[in-house]
Amino acid sequence: MGDTNFIGGIVKILETPKQIFINKNILFTSFRVQFPQVKKNYVVHLKCCGKLANDVVRFYKTNDYVLIEGYLSLVNLQSSNSINRQSKKIEITCLKIYPIALGYDRSSGHQV
């Protein structure tokens, strides 16, 4: 693992969270989000585990805005087309998630 830092911020969920089990007993959820307040909209991979992973799948969906707290890390990726060049992927291991703006159906005036 690379350098890590604590981070908090508002993000927009870009895809439906996907769940997998690690070692047949640890629930793990990962999905992509973006920071909408930054001029260059960076896409970041968010991951969480345990009870939080289950809550994310139950309560949040694509295009929801949430406040997150977690640890930011840079993960090295091997590039297949160049041996000397390594790219980095930004990941956030999420500790807490709070709802900000969940899906809203404007025609009926109810939350979806």
Protein backbone atom coordinates (compact mmCIF):
# COMPACT_ATOMS: atom_id res chain seq x y z
CA MET A 1 0.00 0.00 0.00
CA GLY A 2 1.23 3.49 -0.75
CA ASP A 3 0.89 6.72 1.19
CA THR A 4 -2.36 7.14 3.11
CA ASN A 5 -4.17 10.22 4.41
CA PHE A 6 -7.49 10.85 6.12
CA ILE A 7 -10.05 12.54 3.87
CA GLY A 8 -13.59 13.83 4.15
CA GLY A 9 -15.76 15.29 1.43
CA ILE A 10 -18.92 15.22 -0.61
CA VAL A 11 -18.96 12.80 -3.54
CA LYS A 12 -21.43 11.77 -6.24
CA ILE A 13 -22.00 8.02 -6.71
CA LEU A 14 -21.37 7.12 -10.37
CA GLU A 15 -22.31 3.43 -10.41
CA THR A 16 -24.31 0.86 -8.50
CA PRO A 17 -22.25 -0.47 -5.57
CA LYS A 18 -21.07 -4.06 -6.10
CA GLN A 19 -20.68 -6.55 -3.24
CA ILE A 20 -18.26 -9.45 -2.93
CA PHE A 21 -17.27 -11.73 -0.07
CA ILE A 22 -13.64 -12.06 0.96
CA ASN A 23 -12.65 -15.30 2.72
CA LYS A 24 -16.35 -16.31 2.60
CA ASN A 25 -17.24 -14.18 5.65
CA ILE A 26 -16.15 -10.54 5.11
CA LEU A 27 -18.57 -8.43 3.06
CA PHE A 28 -16.80 -5.95 0.78
CA THR A 29 -18.40 -3.26 -1.43
CA SER A 30 -16.69 -1.15 -4.10
CA PHE A 31 -17.90 1.50 -6.53
CA ARG A 32 -16.76 4.64 -8.35
CA VAL A 33 -17.48 8.19 -7.16
CA GLN A 34 -16.41 11.68 -8.18
CA PHE A 35 -15.75 14.92 -6.33
CA PRO A 36 -18.16 17.37 -8.02
CA GLN A 37 -16.73 20.51 -6.39
CA VAL A 38 -13.33 20.12 -8.07
CA LYS A 39 -12.87 21.74 -11.51
CA LYS A 40 -11.43 18.55 -12.97
CA ASN A 41 -13.98 15.91 -11.96
CA TYR A 42 -11.73 13.15 -10.68
CA VAL A 43 -13.16 9.65 -10.56
CA VAL A 44 -12.16 7.80 -7.40
CA HIS A 45 -12.69 4.18 -6.37
CA LEU A 46 -14.46 3.89 -3.01
CA LYS A 47 -14.46 0.71 -0.97
CA CYS A 48 -15.96 -0.25 2.36
CA CYS A 49 -16.46 -3.43 4.34
CA GLY A 50 -18.58 -4.94 7.10
CA LYS A 51 -21.93 -3.44 8.13
CA LEU A 52 -21.21 -0.23 6.22
CA ALA A 53 -20.81 -2.23 3.00
CA ASN A 54 -24.28 -3.73 3.48
CA ASP A 55 -25.83 -0.32 4.29
CA VAL A 56 -24.33 1.26 1.16
CA VAL A 57 -26.01 -1.31 -1.09
CA ARG A 58 -29.34 -1.01 0.75
CA PHE A 59 -29.65 2.78 0.94
CA TYR A 60 -27.58 4.44 -1.82
CA LYS A 61 -27.73 4.31 -5.61
CA THR A 62 -26.35 6.03 -8.69
CA ASN A 63 -26.40 9.87 -8.70
CA ASP A 64 -26.77 10.19 -4.90
CA TYR A 65 -24.56 12.69 -3.12
CA VAL A 66 -22.99 11.50 0.13
CA LEU A 67 -20.51 12.83 2.67
CA ILE A 68 -17.68 10.36 3.22
CA GLU A 69 -14.89 9.93 5.76
CA GLY A 70 -12.04 7.57 5.12
CA TYR A 71 -8.44 6.96 4.16
CA LEU A 72 -7.08 8.02 0.79
CA SER A 73 -4.46 5.82 -0.84
CA LEU A 74 -2.61 5.68 -4.14
CA VAL A 75 -2.37 2.20 -5.64
CA ASN A 76 0.22 1.40 -8.30
CA LEU A 77 -1.15 -0.19 -11.46
CA GLN A 78 1.00 -2.05 -13.96
CA SER A 79 0.55 -0.76 -17.48
CA SER A 80 0.47 -3.50 -20.12
CA ASN A 81 1.70 -1.30 -22.98
CA SER A 82 4.78 0.18 -21.29
CA ILE A 83 7.13 -1.57 -18.89
CA ASN A 84 8.74 1.59 -17.52
CA ARG A 85 5.52 3.53 -16.96
CA GLN A 86 3.37 2.91 -13.90
CA SER A 87 0.03 4.58 -13.38
CA LYS A 88 -1.68 5.19 -10.06
CA LYS A 89 -5.29 4.71 -9.04
CA ILE A 90 -6.86 6.75 -6.24
CA GLU A 91 -8.81 4.66 -3.71
CA ILE A 92 -10.68 5.68 -0.58
CA THR A 93 -11.30 3.12 2.13
CA CYS A 94 -14.50 4.48 3.63
CA LEU A 95 -15.14 4.51 7.38
CA LYS A 96 -18.40 6.51 7.48
CA ILE A 97 -20.99 7.62 4.93
CA TYR A 98 -23.71 10.22 5.51
CA PRO A 99 -26.58 11.01 3.09
CA ILE A 100 -26.61 14.53 1.59
CA ALA A 101 -28.97 14.44 -1.41
CA LEU A 102 -30.61 11.15 -2.28
CA GLY A 103 -32.57 10.43 -5.47
CA TYR A 104 -35.66 12.62 -5.82
CA ASP A 105 -38.55 12.12 -8.23
CA ARG A 106 -39.61 15.63 -9.30
CA SER A 107 -42.84 14.54 -10.98
CA SER A 108 -44.35 13.05 -7.81
CA GLY A 109 -42.38 15.13 -5.29
CA HIS A 110 -41.30 12.00 -3.39
CA GLN A 111 -37.95 10.52 -2.68
CA VAL A 112 -37.17 7.55 -4.89
